[in-house]
Amino acid sequence: SGGFHTIQRVYGCDLLSDGSVRGSWRYGYDGRDFISFELGSENFVTGDDAAEITRRRWEDENEAERQENYLKHVCPEGLRKYVGYGRKELERKVAPDVHVSG
């Protein structure tokens, strides 16, 4: 219908202590769950009937393979890189410097 609409995409990955990776993509539309993908599931989960159209199209276009590749390889590589950038700061053993004014 008319007016404004909102789409939201949330995605990411976790590096687990055993070396494995967990990840997901989640899309929302107008504040409701629309479609999601979990690493390892090989398929999409839809939030409503309207998302079925998107699911079918993405399955025809092999979108699950692209998302699986991103979550399994690209995302963890980026996460390792950025954690490495911040490692010096993360491992710093200095007491916090706090100031109170009022």
N, C-alpha and C. Protein backbone atom coordinates (compact mmCIF):
# COMPACT_ATOMS: atom_id res chain seq x y z
N SER A 1 0.84 -1.19 0.00
CA SER A 1 0.00 0.00 0.00
C SER A 1 0.88 1.24 0.00
N GLY A 2 0.27 2.41 -0.05
CA GLY A 2 0.99 3.66 -0.14
C GLY A 2 1.72 4.02 1.14
N GLY A 3 2.45 5.12 1.10
CA GLY A 3 3.19 5.57 2.27
C GLY A 3 4.61 5.05 2.28
N PHE A 4 5.22 5.19 3.44
CA PHE A 4 6.61 4.77 3.60
C PHE A 4 6.70 3.32 4.05
N HIS A 5 7.74 2.66 3.60
CA HIS A 5 8.01 1.29 4.01
C HIS A 5 9.47 1.19 4.45
N THR A 6 9.75 0.23 5.28
CA THR A 6 11.10 0.04 5.81
C THR A 6 11.55 -1.39 5.57
N ILE A 7 12.79 -1.53 5.09
CA ILE A 7 13.40 -2.85 5.01
C ILE A 7 14.67 -2.80 5.87
N GLN A 8 14.89 -3.85 6.60
CA GLN A 8 16.06 -3.92 7.48
C GLN A 8 16.77 -5.24 7.23
N ARG A 9 18.10 -5.17 7.11
CA ARG A 9 18.90 -6.38 6.94
C ARG A 9 19.92 -6.43 8.07
N VAL A 10 19.95 -7.54 8.77
CA VAL A 10 20.91 -7.77 9.85
C VAL A 10 21.64 -9.07 9.52
N TYR A 11 22.93 -9.00 9.48
CA TYR A 11 23.69 -10.22 9.17
C TYR A 11 25.00 -10.20 9.94
N GLY A 12 25.54 -11.37 10.16
CA GLY A 12 26.81 -11.44 10.85
C GLY A 12 27.22 -12.86 11.12
N CYS A 13 28.40 -12.97 11.72
CA CYS A 13 28.95 -14.28 12.03
C CYS A 13 29.63 -14.25 13.39
N ASP A 14 29.74 -15.41 13.99
CA ASP A 14 30.44 -15.59 15.25
C ASP A 14 31.53 -16.63 15.03
N LEU A 15 32.72 -16.36 15.56
CA LEU A 15 33.79 -17.36 15.57
C LEU A 15 33.72 -18.05 16.92
N LEU A 16 33.44 -19.33 16.92
CA LEU A 16 33.27 -20.07 18.17
C LEU A 16 34.61 -20.60 18.65
N SER A 17 34.70 -20.90 19.94
CA SER A 17 35.96 -21.33 20.54
C SER A 17 36.51 -22.61 19.93
N ASP A 18 35.66 -23.44 19.37
CA ASP A 18 36.13 -24.68 18.74
C ASP A 18 36.57 -24.47 17.29
N GLY A 19 36.58 -23.21 16.83
CA GLY A 19 37.01 -22.89 15.48
C GLY A 19 35.90 -22.88 14.45
N SER A 20 34.72 -23.31 14.83
CA SER A 20 33.60 -23.30 13.88
C SER A 20 32.99 -21.90 13.78
N VAL A 21 32.14 -21.73 12.79
CA VAL A 21 31.52 -20.44 12.52
C VAL A 21 30.01 -20.59 12.58
N ARG A 22 29.35 -19.62 13.19
CA ARG A 22 27.89 -19.55 13.20
C ARG A 22 27.53 -18.22 12.54
N GLY A 23 26.49 -18.21 11.71
CA GLY A 23 26.13 -16.96 11.06
C GLY A 23 24.71 -16.98 10.53
N SER A 24 24.20 -15.79 10.25
CA SER A 24 22.84 -15.68 9.70
C SER A 24 22.65 -14.35 8.99
N TRP A 25 21.65 -14.34 8.12
CA TRP A 25 21.12 -13.14 7.48
C TRP A 25 19.65 -13.06 7.89
N ARG A 26 19.17 -11.89 8.24
CA ARG A 26 17.76 -11.71 8.58
C ARG A 26 17.28 -10.42 7.92
N TYR A 27 16.15 -10.54 7.26
CA TYR A 27 15.54 -9.37 6.63
C TYR A 27 14.19 -9.12 7.30
N GLY A 28 13.93 -7.85 7.56
CA GLY A 28 12.64 -7.44 8.09
C GLY A 28 11.99 -6.46 7.13
N TYR A 29 10.68 -6.43 7.14
CA TYR A 29 9.94 -5.49 6.30
C TYR A 29 8.84 -4.87 7.14
N ASP A 30 8.85 -3.55 7.23
CA ASP A 30 7.86 -2.80 8.02
C ASP A 30 7.75 -3.35 9.44
N GLY A 31 8.90 -3.65 10.05
CA GLY A 31 8.92 -4.07 11.45
C GLY A 31 8.61 -5.53 11.70
N ARG A 32 8.42 -6.31 10.65
CA ARG A 32 8.11 -7.74 10.83
C ARG A 32 9.20 -8.59 10.20
N ASP A 33 9.38 -9.80 10.72
CA ASP A 33 10.31 -10.74 10.11
C ASP A 33 9.83 -11.03 8.69
N PHE A 34 10.74 -10.99 7.74
CA PHE A 34 10.37 -11.23 6.35
C PHE A 34 10.97 -12.55 5.86
N ILE A 35 12.31 -12.64 5.85
CA ILE A 35 12.97 -13.86 5.39
C ILE A 35 14.32 -13.96 6.08
N SER A 36 14.76 -15.17 6.36
CA SER A 36 16.04 -15.35 7.04
C SER A 36 16.78 -16.57 6.48
N PHE A 37 18.06 -16.60 6.79
CA PHE A 37 18.92 -17.69 6.34
C PHE A 37 19.94 -17.96 7.44
N GLU A 38 20.05 -19.20 7.85
CA GLU A 38 21.03 -19.62 8.86
C GLU A 38 22.13 -20.42 8.19
N LEU A 39 23.37 -20.14 8.54
CA LEU A 39 24.50 -20.89 8.00
C LEU A 39 24.30 -22.38 8.30
N GLY A 40 24.46 -23.20 7.28
CA GLY A 40 24.30 -24.64 7.44
C GLY A 40 22.91 -25.15 7.14
N SER A 41 21.94 -24.26 7.03
CA SER A 41 20.56 -24.71 6.80
C SER A 41 20.27 -25.00 5.33
N GLU A 42 20.98 -24.31 4.44
CA GLU A 42 20.83 -24.44 2.99
C GLU A 42 19.46 -24.01 2.46
N ASN A 43 18.63 -23.38 3.29
CA ASN A 43 17.36 -22.88 2.77
C ASN A 43 16.91 -21.66 3.56
N PHE A 44 15.93 -20.97 3.02
CA PHE A 44 15.40 -19.75 3.61
C PHE A 44 14.16 -20.06 4.44
N VAL A 45 13.97 -19.28 5.48
CA VAL A 45 12.76 -19.37 6.30
C VAL A 45 12.01 -18.07 6.09
N THR A 46 10.74 -18.17 5.71
CA THR A 46 9.94 -16.98 5.45
C THR A 46 9.06 -16.64 6.64
N GLY A 47 8.83 -15.34 6.80
CA GLY A 47 8.00 -14.87 7.90
C GLY A 47 6.54 -14.74 7.55
N ASP A 48 6.23 -14.67 6.26
CA ASP A 48 4.83 -14.57 5.83
C ASP A 48 4.71 -15.01 4.37
N ASP A 49 3.49 -15.05 3.88
CA ASP A 49 3.24 -15.51 2.51
C ASP A 49 3.90 -14.61 1.47
N ALA A 50 3.97 -13.31 1.73
CA ALA A 50 4.58 -12.39 0.77
C ALA A 50 6.05 -12.71 0.54
N ALA A 51 6.73 -13.20 1.57
CA ALA A 51 8.15 -13.53 1.45
C ALA A 51 8.39 -14.78 0.61
N GLU A 52 7.36 -15.57 0.39
CA GLU A 52 7.50 -16.77 -0.43
C GLU A 52 7.94 -16.44 -1.86
N ILE A 53 7.49 -15.31 -2.37
CA ILE A 53 7.88 -14.88 -3.72
C ILE A 53 9.39 -14.65 -3.75
N THR A 54 9.89 -13.96 -2.75
CA THR A 54 11.34 -13.72 -2.64
C THR A 54 12.09 -15.02 -2.47
N ARG A 55 11.60 -15.91 -1.62
CA ARG A 55 12.26 -17.20 -1.39
C ARG A 55 12.40 -17.99 -2.69
N ARG A 56 11.32 -18.07 -3.44
CA ARG A 56 11.36 -18.83 -4.70
C ARG A 56 12.36 -18.21 -5.69
N ARG A 57 12.34 -16.90 -5.78
CA ARG A 57 13.26 -16.23 -6.70
C ARG A 57 14.70 -16.46 -6.26
N TRP A 58 14.99 -16.30 -4.97
CA TRP A 58 16.35 -16.49 -4.48
C TRP A 58 16.81 -17.94 -4.65
N GLU A 59 15.90 -18.88 -4.48
CA GLU A 59 16.27 -20.28 -4.70
C GLU A 59 16.61 -20.52 -6.17
N ASP A 60 15.84 -19.91 -7.08
CA ASP A 60 16.13 -20.03 -8.52
C ASP A 60 17.47 -19.41 -8.88
N GLU A 61 17.87 -18.36 -8.15
CA GLU A 61 19.11 -17.63 -8.43
C GLU A 61 20.29 -18.13 -7.60
N ASN A 62 20.13 -19.24 -6.88
CA ASN A 62 21.20 -19.79 -6.03
C ASN A 62 21.70 -18.81 -4.97
N GLU A 63 20.82 -17.98 -4.47
CA GLU A 63 21.19 -17.00 -3.45
C GLU A 63 21.68 -17.67 -2.17
N ALA A 64 21.15 -18.83 -1.84
CA ALA A 64 21.59 -19.53 -0.62
C ALA A 64 23.08 -19.85 -0.69
N GLU A 65 23.57 -20.24 -1.86
CA GLU A 65 25.00 -20.53 -2.01
C GLU A 65 25.83 -19.29 -1.76
N ARG A 66 25.39 -18.14 -2.27
CA ARG A 66 26.13 -16.89 -2.06
C ARG A 66 26.14 -16.52 -0.59
N GLN A 67 24.99 -16.63 0.06
CA GLN A 67 24.93 -16.26 1.47
C GLN A 67 25.74 -17.25 2.31
N GLU A 68 25.68 -18.52 1.97
CA GLU A 68 26.47 -19.54 2.68
C GLU A 68 27.96 -19.22 2.55
N ASN A 69 28.41 -18.89 1.34
CA ASN A 69 29.81 -18.55 1.12
C ASN A 69 30.21 -17.32 1.94
N TYR A 70 29.37 -16.29 1.92
CA TYR A 70 29.68 -15.08 2.68
C TYR A 70 29.82 -15.41 4.17
N LEU A 71 28.85 -16.12 4.71
CA LEU A 71 28.85 -16.40 6.15
C LEU A 71 29.97 -17.35 6.55
N LYS A 72 30.33 -18.26 5.68
CA LYS A 72 31.33 -19.28 6.02
C LYS A 72 32.76 -18.77 5.81
N HIS A 73 32.97 -17.87 4.81
CA HIS A 73 34.33 -17.47 4.45
C HIS A 73 34.59 -15.97 4.59
N VAL A 74 33.80 -15.15 3.93
CA VAL A 74 34.06 -13.71 3.88
C VAL A 74 33.87 -13.06 5.25
N CYS A 75 32.77 -13.33 5.90
CA CYS A 75 32.48 -12.72 7.20
C CYS A 75 33.52 -13.08 8.25
N PRO A 76 33.86 -14.37 8.44
CA PRO A 76 34.88 -14.70 9.45
C PRO A 76 36.25 -14.09 9.14
N GLU A 77 36.59 -14.02 7.84
CA GLU A 77 37.87 -13.41 7.46
C GLU A 77 37.89 -11.93 7.87
N GLY A 78 36.80 -11.23 7.60
CA GLY A 78 36.70 -9.83 8.01
C GLY A 78 36.72 -9.67 9.51
N LEU A 79 36.03 -10.55 10.21
CA LEU A 79 35.99 -10.49 11.67
C LEU A 79 37.39 -10.68 12.24
N ARG A 80 38.12 -11.67 11.75
CA ARG A 80 39.50 -11.90 12.21
C ARG A 80 40.37 -10.67 11.94
N LYS A 81 40.20 -10.06 10.77
CA LYS A 81 41.00 -8.89 10.40
C LYS A 81 40.73 -7.73 11.37
N TYR A 82 39.46 -7.43 11.62
CA TYR A 82 39.14 -6.28 12.46
C TYR A 82 39.45 -6.54 13.93
N VAL A 83 39.31 -7.78 14.38
CA VAL A 83 39.73 -8.11 15.75
C VAL A 83 41.24 -7.91 15.86
N GLY A 84 41.97 -8.30 14.81
CA GLY A 84 43.42 -8.08 14.79
C GLY A 84 43.77 -6.61 14.89
N TYR A 85 43.03 -5.76 14.20
CA TYR A 85 43.28 -4.32 14.27
C TYR A 85 43.11 -3.81 15.70
N GLY A 86 42.13 -4.34 16.40
CA GLY A 86 41.84 -3.86 17.75
C GLY A 86 42.51 -4.65 18.85
N ARG A 87 43.28 -5.69 18.50
CA ARG A 87 43.87 -6.58 19.51
C ARG A 87 44.68 -5.81 20.55
N LYS A 88 45.51 -4.88 20.10
CA LYS A 88 46.34 -4.10 21.03
C LYS A 88 45.46 -3.40 22.07
N GLU A 89 44.41 -2.80 21.60
CA GLU A 89 43.49 -2.10 22.50
C GLU A 89 42.72 -3.09 23.38
N LEU A 90 42.29 -4.19 22.81
CA LEU A 90 41.51 -5.18 23.56
C LEU A 90 42.33 -5.86 24.65
N GLU A 91 43.64 -6.03 24.41
CA GLU A 91 44.49 -6.72 25.38
C GLU A 91 45.19 -5.76 26.34
N ARG A 92 44.92 -4.48 26.25
CA ARG A 92 45.53 -3.47 27.11
C ARG A 92 45.14 -3.71 28.55
N LYS A 93 46.10 -3.60 29.45
CA LYS A 93 45.85 -3.86 30.86
C LYS A 93 46.04 -2.57 31.67
N VAL A 94 45.28 -1.57 31.33
CA VAL A 94 45.35 -0.27 32.00
C VAL A 94 44.00 0.00 32.65
N ALA A 95 44.05 0.49 33.88
CA ALA A 95 42.79 0.83 34.57
C ALA A 95 42.08 1.94 33.80
N PRO A 96 40.77 1.91 33.75
CA PRO A 96 40.03 2.97 33.05
C PRO A 96 40.23 4.31 33.73
N ASP A 97 40.23 5.36 32.95
CA ASP A 97 40.37 6.73 33.44
C ASP A 97 38.97 7.33 33.48
N VAL A 98 38.47 7.59 34.68
CA VAL A 98 37.09 8.06 34.85
C VAL A 98 37.08 9.43 35.48
N HIS A 99 36.25 10.32 34.95
CA HIS A 99 36.08 11.67 35.49
C HIS A 99 34.59 11.90 35.71
N VAL A 100 34.27 12.49 36.86
CA VAL A 100 32.88 12.81 37.16
C VAL A 100 32.79 14.32 37.33
N SER A 101 31.82 14.92 36.68
CA SER A 101 31.63 16.36 36.83
C SER A 101 30.18 16.62 37.21
N GLY A 102 29.96 17.74 37.75
CA GLY A 102 28.57 17.98 38.10
C GLY A 102 28.32 19.21 38.75
